Each structure stands twice: as structure tokens, then as C-alpha cells.
C-alpha atoms as a PDB file:
ATOM      1  CA  UNK A   1     -24.154-148.829  58.177  1.00  0.00           C
ATOM      2  CA  UNK A   2     -25.945-147.101  61.034  1.00  0.00           C
ATOM      3  CA  UNK A   3     -24.051-145.417  63.886  1.00  0.00           C
ATOM      4  CA  UNK A   4     -26.842-143.119  65.108  1.00  0.00           C
ATOM      5  CA  UNK A   5     -28.174-143.791  68.610  1.00  0.00           C
ATOM      6  CA  UNK A   6     -31.854-142.960  69.022  1.00  0.00           C
ATOM      7  CA  UNK A   7     -33.095-142.297  72.553  1.00  0.00           C
ATOM      8  CA  UNK A   8     -36.656-141.910  73.791  1.00  0.00           C
ATOM      9  CA  UNK A   9     -36.769-139.705  76.895  1.00  0.00           C
ATOM     10  CA  UNK A  10     -39.820-140.721  78.911  1.00  0.00           C
ATOM     11  CA  UNK A  11     -41.590-140.142  82.187  1.00  0.00           C
ATOM     12  CA  UNK A  12     -44.710-141.584  83.706  1.00  0.00           C
ATOM     13  CA  UNK A  13     -45.461-138.336  85.521  1.00  0.00           C
ATOM     14  CA  UNK A  14     -45.302-134.778  84.266  1.00  0.00           C
ATOM     15  CA  UNK A  15     -43.116-132.147  85.916  1.00  0.00           C
ATOM     16  CA  UNK A  16     -40.059-134.337  86.502  1.00  0.00           C
ATOM     17  CA  UNK A  17     -37.779-132.206  84.312  1.00  0.00           C
ATOM     18  CA  UNK A  18     -37.734-134.530  81.304  1.00  0.00           C
ATOM     19  CA  UNK A  19     -37.532-131.796  78.662  1.00  0.00           C
ATOM     20  CA  UNK A  20     -34.702-130.018  80.472  1.00  0.00           C
ATOM     21  CA  UNK A  21     -32.841-133.333  80.710  1.00  0.00           C
ATOM     22  CA  UNK A  22     -33.340-133.939  76.969  1.00  0.00           C
ATOM     23  CA  UNK A  23     -32.193-130.445  76.028  1.00  0.00           C
ATOM     24  CA  UNK A  24     -29.151-130.393  78.254  1.00  0.00           C
ATOM     25  CA  UNK A  25     -28.005-133.915  77.391  1.00  0.00           C
ATOM     26  CA  UNK A  26     -28.123-132.950  73.713  1.00  0.00           C
ATOM     27  CA  UNK A  27     -26.266-129.731  74.525  1.00  0.00           C
ATOM     28  CA  UNK A  28     -23.613-131.627  76.514  1.00  0.00           C
ATOM     29  CA  UNK A  29     -22.993-134.095  73.694  1.00  0.00           C
ATOM     30  CA  UNK A  30     -22.703-131.233  71.232  1.00  0.00           C
ATOM     31  CA  UNK A  31     -20.076-129.658  73.480  1.00  0.00           C
ATOM     32  CA  UNK A  32     -18.251-132.997  73.399  1.00  0.00           C
ATOM     33  CA  UNK A  33     -18.090-132.758  69.605  1.00  0.00           C
ATOM     34  CA  UNK A  34     -21.090-134.818  68.517  1.00  0.00           C
ATOM     35  CA  UNK A  35     -24.056-133.958  66.294  1.00  0.00           C
ATOM     36  CA  UNK A  36     -27.392-134.273  68.111  1.00  0.00           C
ATOM     37  CA  UNK A  37     -30.924-133.863  66.828  1.00  0.00           C
ATOM     38  CA  UNK A  38     -33.469-132.969  69.500  1.00  0.00           C
ATOM     39  CA  UNK A  39     -37.039-133.788  68.519  1.00  0.00           C
ATOM     40  CA  UNK A  40     -39.989-132.345  70.400  1.00  0.00           C
ATOM     41  CA  UNK A  41     -42.323-135.345  70.319  1.00  0.00           C
ATOM     42  CA  UNK A  42     -44.882-133.895  72.731  1.00  0.00           C
ATOM     43  CA  UNK A  43     -46.955-133.234  69.650  1.00  0.00           C
ATOM     44  CA  UNK A  44     -49.750-131.043  70.921  1.00  0.00           C
ATOM     45  CA  UNK A  45     -47.988-129.375  73.872  1.00  0.00           C
ATOM     46  CA  UNK A  46     -44.596-128.385  72.513  1.00  0.00           C
ATOM     47  CA  UNK A  47     -42.278-126.417  74.785  1.00  0.00           C
ATOM     48  CA  UNK A  48     -38.703-126.903  73.554  1.00  0.00           C
ATOM     49  CA  UNK A  49     -38.982-123.680  71.577  1.00  0.00           C
ATOM     50  CA  UNK A  50     -39.907-121.858  74.817  1.00  0.00           C
ATOM     51  CA  UNK A  51     -36.926-123.285  76.718  1.00  0.00           C
ATOM     52  CA  UNK A  52     -34.624-122.192  73.897  1.00  0.00           C
ATOM     53  CA  UNK A  53     -36.220-118.818  73.263  1.00  0.00           C
ATOM     54  CA  UNK A  54     -36.659-119.528  69.552  1.00  0.00           C
ATOM     55  CA  UNK A  55     -39.528-118.878  67.150  1.00  0.00           C
ATOM     56  CA  UNK A  56     -39.441-121.528  64.405  1.00  0.00           C
ATOM     57  CA  UNK A  57     -41.279-120.686  61.200  1.00  0.00           C
ATOM     58  CA  UNK A  58     -42.404-124.308  60.748  1.00  0.00           C
ATOM     59  CA  UNK A  59     -42.931-127.385  62.888  1.00  0.00           C
ATOM     60  CA  UNK A  60     -43.673-131.117  62.783  1.00  0.00           C
ATOM     61  CA  UNK A  61     -47.333-130.418  62.044  1.00  0.00           C
ATOM     62  CA  UNK A  62     -46.361-128.615  58.828  1.00  0.00           C
ATOM     63  CA  UNK A  63     -44.123-131.511  57.770  1.00  0.00           C
ATOM     64  CA  UNK A  64     -46.783-134.074  58.633  1.00  0.00           C
ATOM     65  CA  UNK A  65     -49.426-132.255  56.596  1.00  0.00           C
ATOM     66  CA  UNK A  66     -47.039-131.896  53.648  1.00  0.00           C
ATOM     67  CA  UNK A  67     -46.975-128.115  53.875  1.00  0.00           C
ATOM     68  CA  UNK A  68     -43.222-127.897  54.520  1.00  0.00           C
ATOM     69  CA  UNK A  69     -40.424-130.352  53.618  1.00  0.00           C
ATOM     70  CA  UNK A  70     -38.954-132.029  56.707  1.00  0.00           C
ATOM     71  CA  UNK A  71     -35.502-130.567  55.988  1.00  0.00           C
ATOM     72  CA  UNK A  72     -36.987-127.061  56.220  1.00  0.00           C
ATOM     73  CA  UNK A  73     -38.546-127.785  59.608  1.00  0.00           C
ATOM     74  CA  UNK A  74     -35.165-128.587  61.174  1.00  0.00           C
ATOM     75  CA  UNK A  75     -34.052-125.565  63.215  1.00  0.00           C
ATOM     76  CA  UNK A  76     -30.319-125.080  63.733  1.00  0.00           C
ATOM     77  CA  UNK A  77     -29.389-124.071  67.289  1.00  0.00           C
ATOM     78  CA  UNK A  78     -25.685-124.240  66.548  1.00  0.00           C
ATOM     79  CA  UNK A  79     -23.549-125.851  63.874  1.00  0.00           C
ATOM     80  CA  UNK A  80     -24.210-129.570  64.207  1.00  0.00           C
ATOM     81  CA  UNK A  81     -27.032-129.155  66.744  1.00  0.00           C
ATOM     82  CA  UNK A  82     -30.573-129.132  65.352  1.00  0.00           C
ATOM     83  CA  UNK A  83     -34.038-129.086  66.872  1.00  0.00           C
ATOM     84  CA  UNK A  84     -37.205-130.451  65.319  1.00  0.00           C
ATOM     85  CA  UNK A  85     -39.974-128.336  66.868  1.00  0.00           C
ATOM     86  CA  UNK A  86     -43.535-129.505  67.388  1.00  0.00           C
ATOM     87  CA  UNK A  87     -46.803-127.617  67.430  1.00  0.00           C
ATOM     88  CA  UNK A  88     -48.484-126.324  70.570  1.00  0.00           C
ATOM     89  CA  UNK A  89     -52.171-126.133  71.335  1.00  0.00           C
ATOM     90  CA  UNK A  90     -53.115-128.717  68.685  1.00  0.00           C
ATOM     91  CA  UNK A  91     -54.947-131.511  70.555  1.00  0.00           C
ATOM     92  CA  UNK A  92     -55.424-133.551  67.352  1.00  0.00           C
ATOM     93  CA  UNK A  93     -51.668-134.160  67.247  1.00  0.00           C
ATOM     94  CA  UNK A  94     -51.555-135.514  70.774  1.00  0.00           C
ATOM     95  CA  UNK A  95     -53.139-138.776  69.621  1.00  0.00           C
ATOM     96  CA  UNK A  96     -52.035-139.320  66.043  1.00  0.00           C
ATOM     97  CA  UNK A  97     -53.814-142.033  64.112  1.00  0.00           C
ATOM     98  CA  UNK A  98     -51.558-144.982  63.210  1.00  0.00           C
ATOM     99  CA  UNK A  99     -51.448-144.047  59.519  1.00  0.00           C
ATOM    100  CA  UNK A 100     -50.334-140.487  60.342  1.00  0.00           C
ATOM    101  CA  UNK A 101     -47.650-141.763  62.724  1.00  0.00           C
ATOM    102  CA  UNK A 102     -46.401-143.982  59.894  1.00  0.00           C
ATOM    103  CA  UNK A 103     -46.256-141.049  57.496  1.00  0.00           C
ATOM    104  CA  UNK A 104     -44.366-138.978  60.054  1.00  0.00           C
ATOM    105  CA  UNK A 105     -41.806-141.740  60.637  1.00  0.00           C
ATOM    106  CA  UNK A 106     -41.330-142.259  56.888  1.00  0.00           C
ATOM    107  CA  UNK A 107     -40.634-138.552  56.441  1.00  0.00           C
ATOM    108  CA  UNK A 108     -38.263-138.437  59.404  1.00  0.00           C
ATOM    109  CA  UNK A 109     -36.032-141.415  58.692  1.00  0.00           C
ATOM    110  CA  UNK A 110     -34.138-140.080  55.630  1.00  0.00           C
ATOM    111  CA  UNK A 111     -32.832-137.136  57.674  1.00  0.00           C
ATOM    112  CA  UNK A 112     -31.592-138.955  60.780  1.00  0.00           C
ATOM    113  CA  UNK A 113     -28.402-140.677  59.622  1.00  0.00           C
ATOM    114  CA  UNK A 114     -26.393-137.433  59.573  1.00  0.00           C
ATOM    115  CA  UNK A 115     -26.665-137.211  63.378  1.00  0.00           C
ATOM    116  CA  UNK A 116     -24.756-139.084  66.081  1.00  0.00           C
ATOM    117  CA  UNK A 117     -27.689-138.911  68.481  1.00  0.00           C
ATOM    118  CA  UNK A 118     -31.432-138.501  68.003  1.00  0.00           C
ATOM    119  CA  UNK A 119     -33.229-137.473  71.199  1.00  0.00           C
ATOM    120  CA  UNK A 120     -37.007-137.886  71.224  1.00  0.00           C
ATOM    121  CA  UNK A 121     -38.470-135.793  74.032  1.00  0.00           C
ATOM    122  CA  UNK A 122     -41.830-137.450  74.641  1.00  0.00           C
ATOM    123  CA  UNK A 123     -44.859-136.308  76.551  1.00  0.00           C
ATOM    124  CA  UNK A 124     -45.522-137.713  80.005  1.00  0.00           C
ATOM    125  CA  UNK A 125     -47.741-140.742  80.522  1.00  0.00           C
ATOM    126  CA  UNK A 126     -48.723-143.720  78.379  1.00  0.00           C
ATOM    127  CA  UNK A 127     -50.488-142.227  75.368  1.00  0.00           C
ATOM    128  CA  UNK A 128     -50.352-143.977  71.981  1.00  0.00           C
ATOM    129  CA  UNK A 129     -47.829-141.400  70.744  1.00  0.00           C
ATOM    130  CA  UNK A 130     -45.572-142.013  73.740  1.00  0.00           C
ATOM    131  CA  UNK A 131     -45.737-145.782  73.307  1.00  0.00           C
ATOM    132  CA  UNK A 132     -45.074-145.599  69.569  1.00  0.00           C
ATOM    133  CA  UNK A 133     -41.994-143.389  69.814  1.00  0.00           C
ATOM    134  CA  UNK A 134     -40.677-145.310  72.808  1.00  0.00           C
ATOM    135  CA  UNK A 135     -40.892-148.492  70.759  1.00  0.00           C
ATOM    136  CA  UNK A 136     -39.041-146.896  67.823  1.00  0.00           C
ATOM    137  CA  UNK A 137     -35.944-145.939  69.823  1.00  0.00           C
ATOM    138  CA  UNK A 138     -32.784-147.951  70.395  1.00  0.00           C
ATOM    139  CA  UNK A 139     -32.649-146.781  74.021  1.00  0.00           C
ATOM    140  CA  UNK A 140     -35.419-145.828  76.444  1.00  0.00           C
ATOM    141  CA  UNK A 141     -34.476-143.459  79.260  1.00  0.00           C
ATOM    142  CA  UNK A 142     -37.089-142.996  81.978  1.00  0.00           C
ATOM    143  CA  UNK A 143     -36.750-139.850  84.082  1.00  0.00           C
ATOM    144  CA  UNK A 144     -38.030-140.116  87.646  1.00  0.00           C
ATOM    145  CA  UNK A 145     -37.727-138.067  90.822  1.00  0.00           C
ATOM    146  CA  UNK A 146     -37.750-139.186  94.484  1.00  0.00           C
ATOM    147  CA  UNK A 147     -41.491-138.404  94.723  1.00  0.00           C
ATOM    148  CA  UNK A 148     -43.583-141.555  95.290  1.00  0.00           C
ATOM    149  CA  UNK A 149     -45.997-140.597  92.490  1.00  0.00           C
ATOM    150  CA  UNK A 150     -43.110-140.352  90.036  1.00  0.00           C
ATOM    151  CA  UNK A 151     -41.936-143.831  90.996  1.00  0.00           C
ATOM    152  CA  UNK A 152     -45.446-145.294  90.684  1.00  0.00           C
ATOM    153  CA  UNK A 153     -46.056-143.712  87.284  1.00  0.00           C
ATOM    154  CA  UNK A 154     -42.575-144.651  86.069  1.00  0.00           C
ATOM    155  CA  UNK A 155     -43.257-148.273  86.980  1.00  0.00           C
ATOM    156  CA  UNK A 156     -46.611-148.131  85.159  1.00  0.00           C
ATOM    157  CA  UNK A 157     -44.836-146.900  82.033  1.00  0.00           C
ATOM    158  CA  UNK A 158     -42.370-149.804  82.154  1.00  0.00           C
ATOM    159  CA  UNK A 159     -45.269-152.223  82.706  1.00  0.00           C
ATOM    160  CA  UNK A 160     -47.192-151.033  79.651  1.00  0.00           C
ATOM    161  CA  UNK A 161     -44.169-151.094  77.334  1.00  0.00           C
ATOM    162  CA  UNK A 162     -43.121-154.491  78.644  1.00  0.00           C
ATOM    163  CA  UNK A 163     -46.568-156.057  78.353  1.00  0.00           C
ATOM    164  CA  UNK A 164     -47.418-154.518  75.006  1.00  0.00           C
ATOM    165  CA  UNK A 165     -44.087-154.729  73.156  1.00  0.00           C
ATOM    166  CA  UNK A 166     -42.123-157.226  75.234  1.00  0.00           C
ATOM    167  CA  UNK A 167     -39.527-154.572  76.078  1.00  0.00           C
ATOM    168  CA  UNK A 168     -37.083-155.354  78.848  1.00  0.00           C
ATOM    169  CA  UNK A 169     -34.310-152.799  78.302  1.00  0.00           C
ATOM    170  CA  UNK A 170     -34.799-149.559  80.212  1.00  0.00           C
ATOM    171  CA  UNK A 171     -32.412-146.998  81.624  1.00  0.00           C
ATOM    172  CA  UNK A 172     -33.378-144.735  84.518  1.00  0.00           C
ATOM    173  CA  UNK A 173     -32.223-141.225  85.379  1.00  0.00           C
ATOM    174  CA  UNK A 174     -33.105-139.865  88.816  1.00  0.00           C
ATOM    175  CA  UNK A 175     -33.637-136.113  88.578  1.00  0.00           C
ATOM    176  CA  UNK A 176     -33.958-133.487  91.329  1.00  0.00           C
ATOM    177  CA  UNK A 177     -32.091-135.645  93.844  1.00  0.00           C
ATOM    178  CA  UNK A 178     -30.742-134.028  97.007  1.00  0.00           C
ATOM    179  CA  UNK A 179     -27.784-136.420  97.030  1.00  0.00           C
ATOM    180  CA  UNK A 180     -26.302-139.466  95.325  1.00  0.00           C
ATOM    181  CA  UNK A 181     -27.626-141.578  98.197  1.00  0.00           C
ATOM    182  CA  UNK A 182     -31.209-140.383  97.721  1.00  0.00           C
ATOM    183  CA  UNK A 183     -30.907-141.056  93.990  1.00  0.00           C
ATOM    184  CA  UNK A 184     -29.664-144.593  94.599  1.00  0.00           C
ATOM    185  CA  UNK A 185     -32.448-145.348  97.087  1.00  0.00           C
ATOM    186  CA  UNK A 186     -35.023-143.988  94.614  1.00  0.00           C
ATOM    187  CA  UNK A 187     -33.686-146.120  91.789  1.00  0.00           C
ATOM    188  CA  UNK A 188     -33.543-149.249  93.962  1.00  0.00           C
ATOM    189  CA  UNK A 189     -37.238-148.870  94.826  1.00  0.00           C
ATOM    190  CA  UNK A 190     -38.157-148.791  91.159  1.00  0.00           C
ATOM    191  CA  UNK A 191     -35.744-151.601  90.307  1.00  0.00           C
ATOM    192  CA  UNK A 192     -37.216-153.807  93.041  1.00  0.00           C
ATOM    193  CA  UNK A 193     -40.798-153.292  91.818  1.00  0.00           C
ATOM    194  CA  UNK A 194     -39.876-153.931  88.167  1.00  0.00           C
ATOM    195  CA  UNK A 195     -37.915-157.053  89.025  1.00  0.00           C
ATOM    196  CA  UNK A 196     -40.543-158.492  91.371  1.00  0.00           C
ATOM    197  CA  UNK A 197     -43.659-157.891  89.285  1.00  0.00           C
ATOM    198  CA  UNK A 198     -42.349-157.728  85.699  1.00  0.00           C
ATOM    199  CA  UNK A 199     -39.049-159.633  85.799  1.00  0.00           C
ATOM    200  CA  UNK A 200     -37.463-156.543  84.240  1.00  0.00           C
ATOM    201  CA  UNK A 201     -34.214-155.053  85.520  1.00  0.00           C
ATOM    202  CA  UNK A 202     -33.793-151.382  84.595  1.00  0.00           C
ATOM    203  CA  UNK A 203     -30.287-149.928  84.678  1.00  0.00           C
ATOM    204  CA  UNK A 204     -29.418-146.680  86.425  1.00  0.00           C
ATOM    205  CA  UNK A 205     -27.780-144.256  83.994  1.00  0.00           C
ATOM    206  CA  UNK A 206     -27.142-141.574  86.601  1.00  0.00           C
ATOM    207  CA  UNK A 207     -28.674-138.781  88.629  1.00  0.00           C
ATOM    208  CA  UNK A 208     -28.974-134.999  88.472  1.00  0.00           C
ATOM    209  CA  UNK A 209     -28.953-132.959  91.639  1.00  0.00           C
ATOM    210  CA  UNK A 210     -31.410-130.269  92.650  1.00  0.00           C
ATOM    211  CA  UNK A 211     -29.913-127.010  91.451  1.00  0.00           C
ATOM    212  CA  UNK A 212     -31.186-123.434  91.816  1.00  0.00           C
ATOM    213  CA  UNK A 213     -29.426-122.525  88.574  1.00  0.00           C
ATOM    214  CA  UNK A 214     -31.836-124.651  86.547  1.00  0.00           C
ATOM    215  CA  UNK A 215     -34.980-122.522  87.063  1.00  0.00           C
ATOM    216  CA  UNK A 216     -32.802-119.457  86.411  1.00  0.00           C
ATOM    217  CA  UNK A 217     -31.723-120.973  83.087  1.00  0.00           C
ATOM    218  CA  UNK A 218     -35.354-121.709  82.212  1.00  0.00           C
ATOM    219  CA  UNK A 219     -36.321-118.098  82.915  1.00  0.00           C
ATOM    220  CA  UNK A 220     -33.410-116.902  80.754  1.00  0.00           C
ATOM    221  CA  UNK A 221     -34.481-119.376  78.038  1.00  0.00           C
ATOM    222  CA  UNK A 222     -31.020-120.920  77.846  1.00  0.00           C
ATOM    223  CA  UNK A 223     -29.798-124.495  78.324  1.00  0.00           C
ATOM    224  CA  UNK A 224     -28.257-124.970  81.763  1.00  0.00           C
ATOM    225  CA  UNK A 225     -25.060-126.233  80.086  1.00  0.00           C
ATOM    226  CA  UNK A 226     -24.625-122.774  78.546  1.00  0.00           C
ATOM    227  CA  UNK A 227     -26.067-120.644  81.352  1.00  0.00           C
ATOM    228  CA  UNK A 228     -24.208-122.231  84.286  1.00  0.00           C
ATOM    229  CA  UNK A 229     -21.854-124.946  82.970  1.00  0.00           C
ATOM    230  CA  UNK A 230     -20.072-125.362  86.310  1.00  0.00           C
ATOM    231  CA  UNK A 231     -23.263-125.768  88.370  1.00  0.00           C
ATOM    232  CA  UNK A 232     -23.846-129.120  90.134  1.00  0.00           C
ATOM    233  CA  UNK A 233     -26.665-130.211  87.803  1.00  0.00           C
ATOM    234  CA  UNK A 234     -24.679-129.226  84.702  1.00  0.00           C
ATOM    235  CA  UNK A 235     -21.718-131.299  85.884  1.00  0.00           C
ATOM    236  CA  UNK A 236     -24.036-134.267  86.526  1.00  0.00           C
ATOM    237  CA  UNK A 237     -25.523-133.967  83.036  1.00  0.00           C
ATOM    238  CA  UNK A 238     -22.088-133.791  81.421  1.00  0.00           C
ATOM    239  CA  UNK A 239     -21.061-136.961  83.278  1.00  0.00           C
ATOM    240  CA  UNK A 240     -24.195-138.713  81.990  1.00  0.00           C
ATOM    241  CA  UNK A 241     -23.479-137.514  78.438  1.00  0.00           C
ATOM    242  CA  UNK A 242     -19.986-139.015  78.628  1.00  0.00           C
ATOM    243  CA  UNK A 243     -21.527-142.283  79.829  1.00  0.00           C
ATOM    244  CA  UNK A 244     -23.982-142.231  76.914  1.00  0.00           C
ATOM    245  CA  UNK A 245     -21.116-141.964  74.452  1.00  0.00           C
ATOM    246  CA  UNK A 246     -19.482-145.021  76.018  1.00  0.00           C
ATOM    247  CA  UNK A 247     -22.798-146.859  75.684  1.00  0.00           C
ATOM    248  CA  UNK A 248     -23.097-145.797  72.036  1.00  0.00           C
ATOM    249  CA  UNK A 249     -19.616-147.122  71.298  1.00  0.00           C
ATOM    250  CA  UNK A 250     -20.376-150.405  73.048  1.00  0.00           C
ATOM    251  CA  UNK A 251     -23.517-150.769  70.886  1.00  0.00           C
ATOM    252  CA  UNK A 252     -21.712-150.060  67.594  1.00  0.00           C
ATOM    253  CA  UNK A 253     -22.074-153.564  66.132  1.00  0.00           C
ATOM    254  CA  UNK A 254     -25.711-153.798  67.187  1.00  0.00           C
ATOM    255  CA  UNK A 255     -26.542-150.359  65.768  1.00  0.00           C
ATOM    256  CA  UNK A 256     -24.824-151.159  62.473  1.00  0.00           C
ATOM    257  CA  UNK A 257     -27.413-153.839  61.654  1.00  0.00           C
ATOM    258  CA  UNK A 258     -30.424-151.863  62.851  1.00  0.00           C
ATOM    259  CA  UNK A 259     -32.483-149.022  61.417  1.00  0.00           C
ATOM    260  CA  UNK A 260     -32.406-145.793  63.425  1.00  0.00           C
ATOM    261  CA  UNK A 261     -36.141-146.072  64.077  1.00  0.00           C
ATOM    262  CA  UNK A 262     -37.297-149.655  64.544  1.00  0.00           C
ATOM    263  CA  UNK A 263     -40.965-150.567  64.292  1.00  0.00           C
ATOM    264  CA  UNK A 264     -41.775-153.452  66.641  1.00  0.00           C
ATOM    265  CA  UNK A 265     -44.853-155.641  66.595  1.00  0.00           C
ATOM    266  CA  UNK A 266     -47.455-155.224  69.321  1.00  0.00           C
ATOM    267  CA  UNK A 267     -47.898-158.228  71.565  1.00  0.00           C
ATOM    268  CA  UNK A 268     -50.916-156.785  73.367  1.00  0.00           C
ATOM    269  CA  UNK A 269     -53.412-153.951  73.185  1.00  0.00           C
ATOM    270  CA  UNK A 270     -53.046-150.949  75.474  1.00  0.00           C
ATOM    271  CA  UNK A 271     -55.941-152.198  77.571  1.00  0.00           C
ATOM    272  CA  UNK A 272     -54.300-155.617  77.975  1.00  0.00           C
ATOM    273  CA  UNK A 273     -50.977-153.996  78.763  1.00  0.00           C
ATOM    274  CA  UNK A 274     -52.548-151.957  81.534  1.00  0.00           C
ATOM    275  CA  UNK A 275     -54.211-154.986  83.140  1.00  0.00           C
END
């Protein structure tokens, strides 16, 4: 019986803080007593290892090529908190062929049930890898900022996943907001566009305020939740983590009958989805 919640962390636009959100949400849930796995799914441009200041001896590329067992690629950050690092500077991994993505998923699945949460930190945009991993997850969390380009690209991401896979369930996190009001206005703009053009109603999970402590944490190569746990952004992230646990509990019956990674059927090609 499955109780693991898999989350794809997405963004249409790069530079919205998606990887920091993924890392710190996983860190917050670990502090709350849960076991998270944080997967770096930006295959060819990995950076979780940089944010954490770690030097893994193996990565997803090694597991995919059969050079290292998947269990040996898992890197323990703390007891009950593991990271699955990806390779960097390997463009071939950025667009995996379908058969290689299938092999990767088959090798991943046996190791996931020991975790309460599986976070998949995806690359920005609408690449095949992004679409595939987004479709595998139980929950899709789109990170946006108040910038108009972030909203436009976030909408485009929802459009592609909706048109190609028929997906209608999306959560939104507004990052780098100056206030709760700005975050709400930002979300409402995206919600209005999705509802009007796609008949999709995303749900706002929460917001994270602009915080000078975050770039400091990045420079120190530490999660914000450990570097400055009482900072405004850290408190926002902890509140979102607590909300995620409530969502996981509310989904218990649904998760029990579902595999951790679910492979949907395409309803359209990428080109058709973009039209």
C-alpha cells in the first residue's frame, strides 16, 4: 500500500528559485519528522550538489548507464533525508530518449517506497524530460514569480501538460513576492488565464517572500531552513511544508491504490499541445 507523495516541482521560466524551493521544502519536511528524497531531474544541468556543497561520487547518469546501482547513487544529507544527484554538462541527458527514460524510471521505482515524499526538481521549460517527469508525479507544483514573463511561461507549461496529457490538477507557489497581496494578485492572474483559455483551475499552495537571507544561504551552500530558520522566507516555506503534509494525509486513500510514479498515456504530441 503506497503512502509516498511524489511531487514534480516545475517552472516555465528559469531563475524563479525552483531548486531552492525544492531543497528547502524537503528540508522543512525532514525537520517535521518525515523522510524526503530530493531528486535532481535537471539531467544535464544539475545544481543541487552546488547548493548543498556536496561532491557525490556517482549520479543519475551512472545509474542510467548501469555503472552504479541506484542505491549507491543515493546521497545521504542527514538520517532520513537523501538526495539523488544528476550529472552536469552532459547535454545528451537533457533530452533522454523514451527507452532511456523508461529504464531510469524502472530503476528508480524500487527505491521510492521507503520515503514519505519524493521531490522531483525539474528543469525549466517544456522539454520532453520535464513533461515526462511532470506526468509521473502525483502532484505538480508550478513555481512562478510576479514577473510577467514568469506568468506567461507558467501558463504555457500548464497548457502543454493539459493538452498533451489531459492534466487539470496543478498547484502554484508564488516565489519572491514582496507581500501576501502581491502573491495573491500574481496567482489570480494565472488562475484567470488558465480558467478562461484551458478550463483549468490551479490551486494556490502558498507564497514565499523576498528574503536577503536566501542569497546568503546559497553563497554558504546551505539550505535556508538551516542557515536562517527564523527568516521570513524560511517561515513561509515551513508553513507550506505543513500544508503539504495535510494534503498528503487527505490523499491517503487515493495514494494507496496508485503507484508512486504513474505513467500516463499521451493524448497529443508536443507540437499539438503547443498549438
